[in-house]
Amino acid sequence: MENIQIGKVVVVRDSFLTEKEMDLKGKKGIVRLLYDADPTDEQTIDEVQVEWTPETLDGFDDDYFYDAFDEEISWTSYILPASVLEQTDEFMDENELAWKKQEIFTRLYLDGLGREGKLIVKAFEKAVDPTKVTPMDCWKEYLDNSLKFPVKCKVCFPYEADDGPVQEGVRVLLTGLNGVDRNLGVLAEITYHDRSYVLPLQDLAAGDSYSKDGKYIDAYGLWLVCIS
Protein backbone atom coordinates (compact mmCIF):
# COMPACT_ATOMS: atom_id res chain seq x y z
CA MET A 1 0.00 0.00 0.00
CA GLU A 2 2.94 2.32 -0.66
CA ASN A 3 0.74 4.61 -2.79
CA ILE A 4 -1.90 5.16 -0.09
CA GLN A 5 -1.14 7.31 2.95
CA ILE A 6 -3.07 8.07 6.13
CA GLY A 7 -4.73 11.48 5.99
CA LYS A 8 -4.94 11.60 2.19
CA VAL A 9 -8.14 11.67 0.12
CA VAL A 10 -8.80 8.59 -2.00
CA VAL A 11 -11.49 7.77 -4.54
CA VAL A 12 -13.09 4.38 -5.13
CA ARG A 13 -11.70 3.90 -8.64
CA ASP A 14 -13.34 0.57 -9.45
CA SER A 15 -16.80 -0.84 -8.96
CA PHE A 16 -17.33 -2.12 -5.41
CA LEU A 17 -20.70 -3.26 -4.05
CA THR A 18 -21.78 -3.00 -0.42
CA GLU A 19 -23.77 -5.79 1.22
CA LYS A 20 -26.87 -3.84 0.14
CA GLU A 21 -25.51 -3.95 -3.45
CA MET A 22 -24.86 -0.21 -3.62
CA ASP A 23 -21.94 0.58 -5.88
CA LEU A 24 -19.36 2.79 -4.16
CA LYS A 25 -17.49 3.63 -7.36
CA GLY A 26 -16.61 7.34 -7.42
CA LYS A 27 -17.11 7.83 -3.65
CA LYS A 28 -14.33 9.67 -1.81
CA GLY A 29 -12.92 9.30 1.66
CA ILE A 30 -10.04 10.27 3.91
CA VAL A 31 -7.64 7.45 4.76
CA ARG A 32 -7.79 6.78 8.50
CA LEU A 33 -6.28 3.30 8.95
CA LEU A 34 -4.28 0.81 6.88
CA TYR A 35 -4.60 -2.94 7.33
CA ASP A 36 -1.83 -4.94 5.68
CA ALA A 37 -2.59 -8.44 4.52
CA ASP A 38 -1.75 -11.02 7.18
CA PRO A 39 -2.39 -14.63 6.17
CA THR A 40 -1.77 -15.78 9.75
CA ASP A 41 -4.80 -13.70 10.79
CA GLU A 42 -6.98 -14.76 7.83
CA GLN A 43 -6.65 -11.31 6.24
CA THR A 44 -5.69 -12.10 2.67
CA ILE A 45 -5.78 -8.61 1.12
CA ASP A 46 -4.62 -5.10 2.01
CA GLU A 47 -7.54 -3.03 3.31
CA VAL A 48 -8.10 0.66 4.04
CA GLN A 49 -10.51 2.35 6.43
CA VAL A 50 -11.75 5.60 4.94
CA GLU A 51 -13.94 8.29 6.46
CA TRP A 52 -16.34 9.63 3.85
CA THR A 53 -15.91 13.22 2.65
CA PRO A 54 -18.77 15.75 2.99
CA GLU A 55 -19.34 15.50 -0.76
CA THR A 56 -19.79 11.74 -0.51
CA LEU A 57 -22.03 11.94 2.56
CA ASP A 58 -24.26 14.41 0.73
CA GLY A 59 -24.56 11.92 -2.13
CA PHE A 60 -25.97 9.08 -0.03
CA ASP A 61 -29.71 8.50 0.29
CA ASP A 62 -31.09 8.66 3.83
CA ASP A 63 -31.67 4.89 3.69
CA TYR A 64 -27.89 4.41 3.74
CA PHE A 65 -27.68 6.19 7.11
CA TYR A 66 -30.76 4.52 8.59
CA ASP A 67 -29.56 1.05 7.54
CA ALA A 68 -26.14 1.65 9.11
CA PHE A 69 -27.73 2.89 12.32
CA ASP A 70 -30.12 -0.08 12.52
CA GLU A 71 -27.27 -2.52 11.93
CA GLU A 72 -25.07 -0.69 14.47
CA ILE A 73 -22.27 -0.11 11.97
CA SER A 74 -20.50 3.10 11.03
CA TRP A 75 -22.25 5.43 8.60
CA THR A 76 -19.29 7.81 8.46
CA SER A 77 -16.62 5.33 7.37
CA TYR A 78 -16.03 2.10 5.45
CA ILE A 79 -13.31 -0.55 5.06
CA LEU A 80 -12.37 -1.16 1.43
CA PRO A 81 -9.82 -3.26 -0.45
CA ALA A 82 -6.78 -1.14 -1.22
CA SER A 83 -6.90 -2.45 -4.79
CA VAL A 84 -10.07 -0.48 -5.64
CA LEU A 85 -8.73 2.84 -4.33
CA GLU A 86 -6.70 5.62 -5.92
CA GLN A 87 -5.08 8.42 -3.95
CA THR A 88 -5.83 12.00 -5.06
CA ASP A 89 -4.24 15.40 -4.44
CA GLU A 90 -7.45 16.82 -2.96
CA PHE A 91 -7.42 18.63 0.39
CA MET A 92 -10.05 17.86 3.01
CA ASP A 93 -11.05 20.42 5.63
CA GLU A 94 -11.52 18.45 8.86
CA ASN A 95 -13.82 21.14 10.32
CA GLU A 96 -16.09 20.95 7.30
CA LEU A 97 -16.31 17.18 7.69
CA ALA A 98 -17.02 17.38 11.42
CA TRP A 99 -19.89 19.82 10.90
CA LYS A 100 -21.29 17.80 7.99
CA LYS A 101 -21.50 14.77 10.28
CA GLN A 102 -23.17 16.91 12.93
CA GLU A 103 -25.68 18.20 10.37
CA ILE A 104 -26.66 14.67 9.28
CA PHE A 105 -26.83 13.42 12.87
CA THR A 106 -29.12 16.29 13.85
CA ARG A 107 -31.40 15.82 10.85
CA LEU A 108 -31.77 12.04 11.01
CA TYR A 109 -31.04 10.72 14.49
CA LEU A 110 -31.53 13.37 17.15
CA ASP A 111 -35.32 13.18 17.54
CA GLY A 112 -35.18 9.53 18.62
CA LEU A 113 -32.71 9.99 21.47
CA GLY A 114 -35.08 11.08 24.24
CA ARG A 115 -33.62 12.69 27.36
CA GLU A 116 -30.04 12.37 26.15
CA GLY A 117 -31.05 14.03 22.89
CA LYS A 118 -32.27 17.09 24.77
CA LEU A 119 -28.91 17.40 26.51
CA ILE A 120 -27.08 16.99 23.20
CA VAL A 121 -29.09 19.87 21.72
CA LYS A 122 -27.89 22.13 24.54
CA ALA A 123 -24.26 21.51 23.59
CA PHE A 124 -24.92 23.26 20.28
CA GLU A 125 -27.23 26.10 21.31
CA LYS A 126 -24.49 28.74 21.22
CA ALA A 127 -23.78 30.25 17.80
CA VAL A 128 -20.20 29.59 16.69
CA ASP A 129 -18.01 30.11 13.63
CA PRO A 130 -17.80 26.60 12.07
CA THR A 131 -14.55 27.52 10.31
CA LYS A 132 -12.84 28.05 13.66
CA VAL A 133 -14.74 25.88 16.13
CA THR A 134 -15.41 22.14 15.95
CA PRO A 135 -18.39 20.23 17.38
CA MET A 136 -15.93 18.75 19.89
CA ASP A 137 -15.00 22.28 21.03
CA CYS A 138 -18.71 22.93 21.63
CA TRP A 139 -18.90 19.83 23.80
CA LYS A 140 -15.88 20.81 25.87
CA GLU A 141 -17.31 24.25 26.61
CA TYR A 142 -20.73 22.81 27.41
CA LEU A 143 -19.33 20.17 29.74
CA ASP A 144 -16.95 22.64 31.38
CA ASN A 145 -19.97 24.79 32.26
CA SER A 146 -22.27 21.90 33.23
CA LEU A 147 -20.21 19.39 35.22
CA LYS A 148 -19.66 20.06 38.92
CA PHE A 149 -16.03 19.04 39.43
CA PRO A 150 -14.75 16.86 40.92
CA VAL A 151 -16.98 14.07 39.61
CA LYS A 152 -16.76 10.52 40.94
CA CYS A 153 -16.27 8.22 37.95
CA LYS A 154 -15.18 4.72 37.03
CA VAL A 155 -13.11 3.64 34.06
CA CYS A 156 -15.19 1.76 31.48
CA PHE A 157 -12.54 1.00 28.85
CA PRO A 158 -10.47 -2.24 28.86
CA TYR A 159 -6.92 -0.91 28.81
CA GLU A 160 -3.97 -3.22 28.35
CA ALA A 161 -2.12 -4.20 31.52
CA ASP A 162 1.02 -2.34 30.42
CA ASP A 163 -0.94 0.90 29.93
CA GLY A 164 -0.55 1.65 33.61
CA PRO A 165 -2.49 1.39 36.88
CA VAL A 166 -5.68 3.02 35.58
CA GLN A 167 -7.66 -0.04 34.47
CA GLU A 168 -11.26 -0.88 33.65
CA GLY A 169 -13.49 -0.77 36.72
CA VAL A 170 -11.28 1.38 38.98
CA ARG A 171 -12.80 4.43 40.67
CA VAL A 172 -11.29 7.81 39.81
CA LEU A 173 -12.03 11.49 40.29
CA LEU A 174 -12.72 13.59 37.19
CA THR A 175 -11.15 16.92 38.13
CA GLY A 176 -11.44 18.85 34.85
CA LEU A 177 -11.18 18.78 31.07
CA ASN A 178 -7.86 19.00 29.25
CA GLY A 179 -8.77 20.03 25.70
CA VAL A 180 -9.92 18.08 22.66
CA ASP A 181 -8.30 15.68 20.21
CA ARG A 182 -9.72 14.82 16.78
CA ASN A 183 -9.26 11.09 17.37
CA LEU A 184 -9.79 10.84 21.13
CA GLY A 185 -12.46 13.50 21.64
CA VAL A 186 -12.72 15.53 24.84
CA LEU A 187 -9.82 14.76 27.17
CA ALA A 188 -10.45 14.27 30.88
CA GLU A 189 -8.13 15.08 33.75
CA ILE A 190 -8.44 12.47 36.51
CA THR A 191 -6.77 11.56 39.76
CA TYR A 192 -6.20 8.01 40.92
CA HIS A 193 -4.30 7.16 44.10
CA ASP A 194 -3.21 10.82 44.34
CA ARG A 195 -1.67 10.81 40.85
CA SER A 196 -2.96 12.73 37.83
CA TYR A 197 -3.73 11.20 34.43
CA VAL A 198 -5.38 12.28 31.17
CA LEU A 199 -7.88 9.94 29.50
CA PRO A 200 -10.51 10.30 26.78
CA LEU A 201 -13.74 11.30 28.50
CA GLN A 202 -15.52 8.53 26.58
CA ASP A 203 -13.53 6.00 28.64
CA LEU A 204 -15.28 7.15 31.83
CA ALA A 205 -18.71 6.58 33.32
CA ALA A 206 -20.16 8.40 36.29
CA GLY A 207 -19.73 6.53 39.55
CA ASP A 208 -23.33 7.39 40.42
CA SER A 209 -25.57 6.63 37.45
CA TYR A 210 -28.34 8.77 38.92
CA SER A 211 -26.26 11.92 39.20
CA LYS A 212 -26.84 14.86 36.90
CA ASP A 213 -23.15 14.81 36.02
CA GLY A 214 -23.58 11.23 34.87
CA LYS A 215 -26.36 12.26 32.48
CA TYR A 216 -24.09 14.80 30.80
CA ILE A 217 -21.29 12.24 30.41
CA ASP A 218 -23.75 9.67 29.05
CA ALA A 219 -25.15 12.17 26.53
CA TYR A 220 -21.65 12.96 25.28
CA GLY A 221 -20.85 9.25 24.93
CA LEU A 222 -24.09 8.62 23.03
CA TRP A 223 -23.35 11.49 20.66
CA LEU A 224 -19.89 10.05 19.94
CA VAL A 225 -21.40 6.66 19.10
CA CYS A 226 -24.02 8.24 16.84
CA ILE A 227 -21.54 10.21 14.72
CA SER A 228 -19.17 7.27 14.26
C-alpha atoms as a PDB file:
ATOM      1  CA  MET A   1       0.000   0.000   0.000  1.00  0.00           C
ATOM      2  CA  GLU A   2       2.942   2.317  -0.662  1.00  0.00           C
ATOM      3  CA  ASN A   3       0.738   4.612  -2.792  1.00  0.00           C
ATOM      4  CA  ILE A   4      -1.897   5.159  -0.089  1.00  0.00           C
ATOM      5  CA  GLN A   5      -1.135   7.308   2.951  1.00  0.00           C
ATOM      6  CA  ILE A   6      -3.069   8.068   6.127  1.00  0.00           C
ATOM      7  CA  GLY A   7      -4.732  11.480   5.986  1.00  0.00           C
ATOM      8  CA  LYS A   8      -4.936  11.597   2.186  1.00  0.00           C
ATOM      9  CA  VAL A   9      -8.144  11.668   0.124  1.00  0.00           C
ATOM     10  CA  VAL A  10      -8.803   8.587  -1.997  1.00  0.00           C
ATOM     11  CA  VAL A  11     -11.488   7.767  -4.539  1.00  0.00           C
ATOM     12  CA  VAL A  12     -13.090   4.377  -5.133  1.00  0.00           C
ATOM     13  CA  ARG A  13     -11.699   3.900  -8.638  1.00  0.00           C
ATOM     14  CA  ASP A  14     -13.338   0.566  -9.446  1.00  0.00           C
ATOM     15  CA  SER A  15     -16.804  -0.838  -8.956  1.00  0.00           C
ATOM     16  CA  PHE A  16     -17.332  -2.117  -5.412  1.00  0.00           C
ATOM     17  CA  LEU A  17     -20.698  -3.263  -4.047  1.00  0.00           C
ATOM     18  CA  THR A  18     -21.779  -3.001  -0.417  1.00  0.00           C
ATOM     19  CA  GLU A  19     -23.774  -5.788   1.223  1.00  0.00           C
ATOM     20  CA  LYS A  20     -26.874  -3.844   0.135  1.00  0.00           C
ATOM     21  CA  GLU A  21     -25.515  -3.954  -3.450  1.00  0.00           C
ATOM     22  CA  MET A  22     -24.865  -0.213  -3.615  1.00  0.00           C
ATOM     23  CA  ASP A  23     -21.936   0.581  -5.884  1.00  0.00           C
ATOM     24  CA  LEU A  24     -19.360   2.795  -4.158  1.00  0.00           C
ATOM     25  CA  LYS A  25     -17.486   3.628  -7.361  1.00  0.00           C
ATOM     26  CA  GLY A  26     -16.613   7.339  -7.418  1.00  0.00           C
ATOM     27  CA  LYS A  27     -17.105   7.834  -3.654  1.00  0.00           C
ATOM     28  CA  LYS A  28     -14.328   9.667  -1.812  1.00  0.00           C
ATOM     29  CA  GLY A  29     -12.920   9.303   1.656  1.00  0.00           C
ATOM     30  CA  ILE A  30     -10.038  10.271   3.907  1.00  0.00           C
ATOM     31  CA  VAL A  31      -7.641   7.446   4.765  1.00  0.00           C
ATOM     32  CA  ARG A  32      -7.790   6.779   8.501  1.00  0.00           C
ATOM     33  CA  LEU A  33      -6.283   3.305   8.950  1.00  0.00           C
ATOM     34  CA  LEU A  34      -4.283   0.815   6.876  1.00  0.00           C
ATOM     35  CA  TYR A  35      -4.603  -2.936   7.329  1.00  0.00           C
ATOM     36  CA  ASP A  36      -1.825  -4.941   5.683  1.00  0.00           C
ATOM     37  CA  ALA A  37      -2.591  -8.439   4.516  1.00  0.00           C
ATOM     38  CA  ASP A  38      -1.754 -11.017   7.182  1.00  0.00           C
ATOM     39  CA  PRO A  39      -2.385 -14.631   6.171  1.00  0.00           C
ATOM     40  CA  THR A  40      -1.766 -15.782   9.753  1.00  0.00           C
ATOM     41  CA  ASP A  41      -4.801 -13.701  10.786  1.00  0.00           C
ATOM     42  CA  GLU A  42      -6.975 -14.764   7.828  1.00  0.00           C
ATOM     43  CA  GLN A  43      -6.653 -11.305   6.237  1.00  0.00           C
ATOM     44  CA  THR A  44      -5.693 -12.102   2.672  1.00  0.00           C
ATOM     45  CA  ILE A  45      -5.779  -8.608   1.120  1.00  0.00           C
ATOM     46  CA  ASP A  46      -4.622  -5.099   2.012  1.00  0.00           C
ATOM     47  CA  GLU A  47      -7.537  -3.027   3.312  1.00  0.00           C
ATOM     48  CA  VAL A  48      -8.103   0.656   4.043  1.00  0.00           C
ATOM     49  CA  GLN A  49     -10.511   2.349   6.433  1.00  0.00           C
ATOM     50  CA  VAL A  50     -11.754   5.598   4.936  1.00  0.00           C
ATOM     51  CA  GLU A  51     -13.943   8.287   6.456  1.00  0.00           C
ATOM     52  CA  TRP A  52     -16.337   9.628   3.845  1.00  0.00           C
ATOM     53  CA  THR A  53     -15.913  13.218   2.646  1.00  0.00           C
ATOM     54  CA  PRO A  54     -18.770  15.750   2.987  1.00  0.00           C
ATOM     55  CA  GLU A  55     -19.341  15.500  -0.761  1.00  0.00           C
ATOM     56  CA  THR A  56     -19.792  11.736  -0.511  1.00  0.00           C
ATOM     57  CA  LEU A  57     -22.032  11.942   2.564  1.00  0.00           C
ATOM     58  CA  ASP A  58     -24.257  14.405   0.727  1.00  0.00           C
ATOM     59  CA  GLY A  59     -24.562  11.920  -2.133  1.00  0.00           C
ATOM     60  CA  PHE A  60     -25.974   9.078  -0.028  1.00  0.00           C
ATOM     61  CA  ASP A  61     -29.709   8.502   0.294  1.00  0.00           C
ATOM     62  CA  ASP A  62     -31.092   8.659   3.828  1.00  0.00           C
ATOM     63  CA  ASP A  63     -31.673   4.891   3.688  1.00  0.00           C
ATOM     64  CA  TYR A  64     -27.895   4.408   3.737  1.00  0.00           C
ATOM     65  CA  PHE A  65     -27.677   6.187   7.105  1.00  0.00           C
ATOM     66  CA  TYR A  66     -30.759   4.517   8.586  1.00  0.00           C
ATOM     67  CA  ASP A  67     -29.558   1.049   7.538  1.00  0.00           C
ATOM     68  CA  ALA A  68     -26.142   1.647   9.107  1.00  0.00           C
ATOM     69  CA  PHE A  69     -27.725   2.890  12.323  1.00  0.00           C
ATOM     70  CA  ASP A  70     -30.124  -0.084  12.521  1.00  0.00           C
ATOM     71  CA  GLU A  71     -27.267  -2.520  11.929  1.00  0.00           C
ATOM     72  CA  GLU A  72     -25.067  -0.690  14.466  1.00  0.00           C
ATOM     73  CA  ILE A  73     -22.270  -0.105  11.975  1.00  0.00           C
ATOM     74  CA  SER A  74     -20.499   3.097  11.030  1.00  0.00           C
ATOM     75  CA  TRP A  75     -22.251   5.435   8.598  1.00  0.00           C
ATOM     76  CA  THR A  76     -19.286   7.811   8.456  1.00  0.00           C
ATOM     77  CA  SER A  77     -16.618   5.326   7.374  1.00  0.00           C
ATOM     78  CA  TYR A  78     -16.026   2.102   5.451  1.00  0.00           C
ATOM     79  CA  ILE A  79     -13.310  -0.547   5.061  1.00  0.00           C
ATOM     80  CA  LEU A  80     -12.371  -1.160   1.435  1.00  0.00           C
ATOM     81  CA  PRO A  81      -9.816  -3.264  -0.452  1.00  0.00           C
ATOM     82  CA  ALA A  82      -6.775  -1.135  -1.223  1.00  0.00           C
ATOM     83  CA  SER A  83      -6.896  -2.452  -4.794  1.00  0.00           C
ATOM     84  CA  VAL A  84     -10.067  -0.481  -5.645  1.00  0.00           C
ATOM     85  CA  LEU A  85      -8.732   2.843  -4.326  1.00  0.00           C
ATOM     86  CA  GLU A  86      -6.702   5.617  -5.915  1.00  0.00           C
ATOM     87  CA  GLN A  87      -5.082   8.423  -3.949  1.00  0.00           C
ATOM     88  CA  THR A  88      -5.834  11.996  -5.056  1.00  0.00           C
ATOM     89  CA  ASP A  89      -4.241  15.400  -4.444  1.00  0.00           C
ATOM     90  CA  GLU A  90      -7.447  16.820  -2.957  1.00  0.00           C
ATOM     91  CA  PHE A  91      -7.424  18.633   0.393  1.00  0.00           C
ATOM     92  CA  MET A  92     -10.050  17.858   3.008  1.00  0.00           C
ATOM     93  CA  ASP A  93     -11.053  20.417   5.632  1.00  0.00           C
ATOM     94  CA  GLU A  94     -11.517  18.451   8.864  1.00  0.00           C
ATOM     95  CA  ASN A  95     -13.817  21.141  10.318  1.00  0.00           C
ATOM     96  CA  GLU A  96     -16.086  20.947   7.299  1.00  0.00           C
ATOM     97  CA  LEU A  97     -16.313  17.180   7.686  1.00  0.00           C
ATOM     98  CA  ALA A  98     -17.024  17.380  11.423  1.00  0.00           C
ATOM     99  CA  TRP A  99     -19.887  19.819  10.902  1.00  0.00           C
ATOM    100  CA  LYS A 100     -21.288  17.797   7.987  1.00  0.00           C
ATOM    101  CA  LYS A 101     -21.502  14.766  10.276  1.00  0.00           C
ATOM    102  CA  GLN A 102     -23.174  16.913  12.931  1.00  0.00           C
ATOM    103  CA  GLU A 103     -25.679  18.202  10.370  1.00  0.00           C
ATOM    104  CA  ILE A 104     -26.655  14.673   9.282  1.00  0.00           C
ATOM    105  CA  PHE A 105     -26.827  13.423  12.870  1.00  0.00           C
ATOM    106  CA  THR A 106     -29.121  16.295  13.848  1.00  0.00           C
ATOM    107  CA  ARG A 107     -31.398  15.817  10.850  1.00  0.00           C
ATOM    108  CA  LEU A 108     -31.770  12.041  11.013  1.00  0.00           C
ATOM    109  CA  TYR A 109     -31.043  10.723  14.489  1.00  0.00           C
ATOM    110  CA  LEU A 110     -31.531  13.366  17.151  1.00  0.00           C
ATOM    111  CA  ASP A 111     -35.316  13.176  17.537  1.00  0.00           C
ATOM    112  CA  GLY A 112     -35.178   9.535  18.624  1.00  0.00           C
ATOM    113  CA  LEU A 113     -32.709   9.991  21.471  1.00  0.00           C
ATOM    114  CA  GLY A 114     -35.084  11.083  24.237  1.00  0.00           C
ATOM    115  CA  ARG A 115     -33.617  12.687  27.356  1.00  0.00           C
ATOM    116  CA  GLU A 116     -30.039  12.370  26.147  1.00  0.00           C
ATOM    117  CA  GLY A 117     -31.048  14.032  22.888  1.00  0.00           C
ATOM    118  CA  LYS A 118     -32.271  17.089  24.768  1.00  0.00           C
ATOM    119  CA  LEU A 119     -28.914  17.400  26.505  1.00  0.00           C
ATOM    120  CA  ILE A 120     -27.081  16.990  23.202  1.00  0.00           C
ATOM    121  CA  VAL A 121     -29.086  19.874  21.725  1.00  0.00           C
ATOM    122  CA  LYS A 122     -27.894  22.128  24.538  1.00  0.00           C
ATOM    123  CA  ALA A 123     -24.265  21.515  23.589  1.00  0.00           C
ATOM    124  CA  PHE A 124     -24.923  23.261  20.278  1.00  0.00           C
ATOM    125  CA  GLU A 125     -27.232  26.103  21.313  1.00  0.00           C
ATOM    126  CA  LYS A 126     -24.495  28.737  21.222  1.00  0.00           C
ATOM    127  CA  ALA A 127     -23.784  30.250  17.795  1.00  0.00           C
ATOM    128  CA  VAL A 128     -20.199  29.587  16.687  1.00  0.00           C
ATOM    129  CA  ASP A 129     -18.006  30.108  13.634  1.00  0.00           C
ATOM    130  CA  PRO A 130     -17.796  26.605  12.072  1.00  0.00           C
ATOM    131  CA  THR A 131     -14.548  27.522  10.312  1.00  0.00           C
ATOM    132  CA  LYS A 132     -12.836  28.050  13.657  1.00  0.00           C
ATOM    133  CA  VAL A 133     -14.740  25.883  16.134  1.00  0.00           C
ATOM    134  CA  THR A 134     -15.414  22.138  15.947  1.00  0.00           C
ATOM    135  CA  PRO A 135     -18.389  20.234  17.384  1.00  0.00           C
ATOM    136  CA  MET A 136     -15.934  18.753  19.893  1.00  0.00           C
ATOM    137  CA  ASP A 137     -14.999  22.280  21.029  1.00  0.00           C
ATOM    138  CA  CYS A 138     -18.710  22.929  21.626  1.00  0.00           C
ATOM    139  CA  TRP A 139     -18.905  19.831  23.798  1.00  0.00           C
ATOM    140  CA  LYS A 140     -15.884  20.809  25.869  1.00  0.00           C
ATOM    141  CA  GLU A 141     -17.310  24.251  26.606  1.00  0.00           C
ATOM    142  CA  TYR A 142     -20.733  22.807  27.414  1.00  0.00           C
ATOM    143  CA  LEU A 143     -19.331  20.165  29.742  1.00  0.00           C
ATOM    144  CA  ASP A 144     -16.947  22.645  31.376  1.00  0.00           C
ATOM    145  CA  ASN A 145     -19.974  24.785  32.257  1.00  0.00           C
ATOM    146  CA  SER A 146     -22.266  21.896  33.229  1.00  0.00           C
ATOM    147  CA  LEU A 147     -20.214  19.395  35.224  1.00  0.00           C
ATOM    148  CA  LYS A 148     -19.655  20.056  38.920  1.00  0.00           C
ATOM    149  CA  PHE A 149     -16.032  19.045  39.426  1.00  0.00           C
ATOM    150  CA  PRO A 150     -14.749  16.863  40.924  1.00  0.00           C
ATOM    151  CA  VAL A 151     -16.980  14.071  39.614  1.00  0.00           C
ATOM    152  CA  LYS A 152     -16.761  10.522  40.945  1.00  0.00           C
ATOM    153  CA  CYS A 153     -16.273   8.216  37.955  1.00  0.00           C
ATOM    154  CA  LYS A 154     -15.179   4.722  37.028  1.00  0.00           C
ATOM    155  CA  VAL A 155     -13.105   3.643  34.064  1.00  0.00           C
ATOM    156  CA  CYS A 156     -15.191   1.761  31.484  1.00  0.00           C
ATOM    157  CA  PHE A 157     -12.537   1.002  28.851  1.00  0.00           C
ATOM    158  CA  PRO A 158     -10.472  -2.242  28.855  1.00  0.00           C
ATOM    159  CA  TYR A 159      -6.917  -0.907  28.813  1.00  0.00           C
ATOM    160  CA  GLU A 160      -3.973  -3.225  28.355  1.00  0.00           C
ATOM    161  CA  ALA A 161      -2.120  -4.196  31.525  1.00  0.00           C
ATOM    162  CA  ASP A 162       1.023  -2.344  30.419  1.00  0.00           C
ATOM    163  CA  ASP A 163      -0.939   0.903  29.926  1.00  0.00           C
ATOM    164  CA  GLY A 164      -0.554   1.649  33.615  1.00  0.00           C
ATOM    165  CA  PRO A 165      -2.486   1.389  36.876  1.00  0.00           C
ATOM    166  CA  VAL A 166      -5.683   3.015  35.579  1.00  0.00           C
ATOM    167  CA  GLN A 167      -7.656  -0.038  34.474  1.00  0.00           C
ATOM    168  CA  GLU A 168     -11.261  -0.877  33.652  1.00  0.00           C
ATOM    169  CA  GLY A 169     -13.485  -0.766  36.717  1.00  0.00           C
ATOM    170  CA  VAL A 170     -11.283   1.382  38.978  1.00  0.00           C
ATOM    171  CA  ARG A 171     -12.801   4.431  40.673  1.00  0.00           C
ATOM    172  CA  VAL A 172     -11.286   7.805  39.811  1.00  0.00           C
ATOM    173  CA  LEU A 173     -12.033  11.495  40.285  1.00  0.00           C
ATOM    174  CA  LEU A 174     -12.721  13.587  37.191  1.00  0.00           C
ATOM    175  CA  THR A 175     -11.152  16.919  38.132  1.00  0.00           C
ATOM    176  CA  GLY A 176     -11.438  18.853  34.855  1.00  0.00           C
ATOM    177  CA  LEU A 177     -11.184  18.779  31.074  1.00  0.00           C
ATOM    178  CA  ASN A 178      -7.862  19.003  29.247  1.00  0.00           C
ATOM    179  CA  GLY A 179      -8.774  20.030  25.695  1.00  0.00           C
ATOM    180  CA  VAL A 180      -9.916  18.082  22.658  1.00  0.00           C
ATOM    181  CA  ASP A 181      -8.302  15.684  20.208  1.00  0.00           C
ATOM    182  CA  ARG A 182      -9.720  14.816  16.783  1.00  0.00           C
ATOM    183  CA  ASN A 183      -9.263  11.093  17.370  1.00  0.00           C
ATOM    184  CA  LEU A 184      -9.791  10.836  21.132  1.00  0.00           C
ATOM    185  CA  GLY A 185     -12.461  13.502  21.644  1.00  0.00           C
ATOM    186  CA  VAL A 186     -12.721  15.528  24.837  1.00  0.00           C
ATOM    187  CA  LEU A 187      -9.819  14.764  27.170  1.00  0.00           C
ATOM    188  CA  ALA A 188     -10.450  14.265  30.880  1.00  0.00           C
ATOM    189  CA  GLU A 189      -8.129  15.083  33.754  1.00  0.00           C
ATOM    190  CA  ILE A 190      -8.444  12.472  36.506  1.00  0.00           C
ATOM    191  CA  THR A 191      -6.773  11.557  39.764  1.00  0.00           C
ATOM    192  CA  TYR A 192      -6.202   8.006  40.915  1.00  0.00           C
ATOM    193  CA  HIS A 193      -4.299   7.159  44.101  1.00  0.00           C
ATOM    194  CA  ASP A 194      -3.214  10.820  44.340  1.00  0.00           C
ATOM    195  CA  ARG A 195      -1.669  10.813  40.854  1.00  0.00           C
ATOM    196  CA  SER A 196      -2.956  12.728  37.834  1.00  0.00           C
ATOM    197  CA  TYR A 197      -3.725  11.202  34.429  1.00  0.00           C
ATOM    198  CA  VAL A 198      -5.381  12.282  31.169  1.00  0.00           C
ATOM    199  CA  LEU A 199      -7.880   9.942  29.504  1.00  0.00           C
ATOM    200  CA  PRO A 200     -10.506  10.305  26.776  1.00  0.00           C
ATOM    201  CA  LEU A 201     -13.739  11.296  28.498  1.00  0.00           C
ATOM    202  CA  GLN A 202     -15.516   8.532  26.580  1.00  0.00           C
ATOM    203  CA  ASP A 203     -13.531   6.003  28.641  1.00  0.00           C
ATOM    204  CA  LEU A 204     -15.275   7.153  31.834  1.00  0.00           C
ATOM    205  CA  ALA A 205     -18.711   6.581  33.318  1.00  0.00           C
ATOM    206  CA  ALA A 206     -20.159   8.404  36.287  1.00  0.00           C
ATOM    207  CA  GLY A 207     -19.730   6.530  39.548  1.00  0.00           C
ATOM    208  CA  ASP A 208     -23.329   7.387  40.421  1.00  0.00           C
ATOM    209  CA  SER A 209     -25.573   6.628  37.447  1.00  0.00           C
ATOM    210  CA  TYR A 210     -28.345   8.765  38.921  1.00  0.00           C
ATOM    211  CA  SER A 211     -26.264  11.923  39.201  1.00  0.00           C
ATOM    212  CA  LYS A 212     -26.842  14.861  36.898  1.00  0.00           C
ATOM    213  CA  ASP A 213     -23.150  14.809  36.024  1.00  0.00           C
ATOM    214  CA  GLY A 214     -23.584  11.227  34.868  1.00  0.00           C
ATOM    215  CA  LYS A 215     -26.359  12.260  32.483  1.00  0.00           C
ATOM    216  CA  TYR A 216     -24.089  14.801  30.800  1.00  0.00           C
ATOM    217  CA  ILE A 217     -21.291  12.242  30.414  1.00  0.00           C
ATOM    218  CA  ASP A 218     -23.754   9.669  29.048  1.00  0.00           C
ATOM    219  CA  ALA A 219     -25.152  12.173  26.533  1.00  0.00           C
ATOM    220  CA  TYR A 220     -21.647  12.956  25.282  1.00  0.00           C
ATOM    221  CA  GLY A 221     -20.853   9.252  24.931  1.00  0.00           C
ATOM    222  CA  LEU A 222     -24.091   8.621  23.030  1.00  0.00           C
ATOM    223  CA  TRP A 223     -23.349  11.493  20.658  1.00  0.00           C
ATOM    224  CA  LEU A 224     -19.887  10.050  19.940  1.00  0.00           C
ATOM    225  CA  VAL A 225     -21.403   6.658  19.095  1.00  0.00           C
ATOM    226  CA  CYS A 226     -24.018   8.239  16.840  1.00  0.00           C
ATOM    227  CA  ILE A 227     -21.543  10.214  14.720  1.00  0.00           C
ATOM    228  CA  SER A 228     -19.166   7.272  14.255  1.00  0.00           C
END
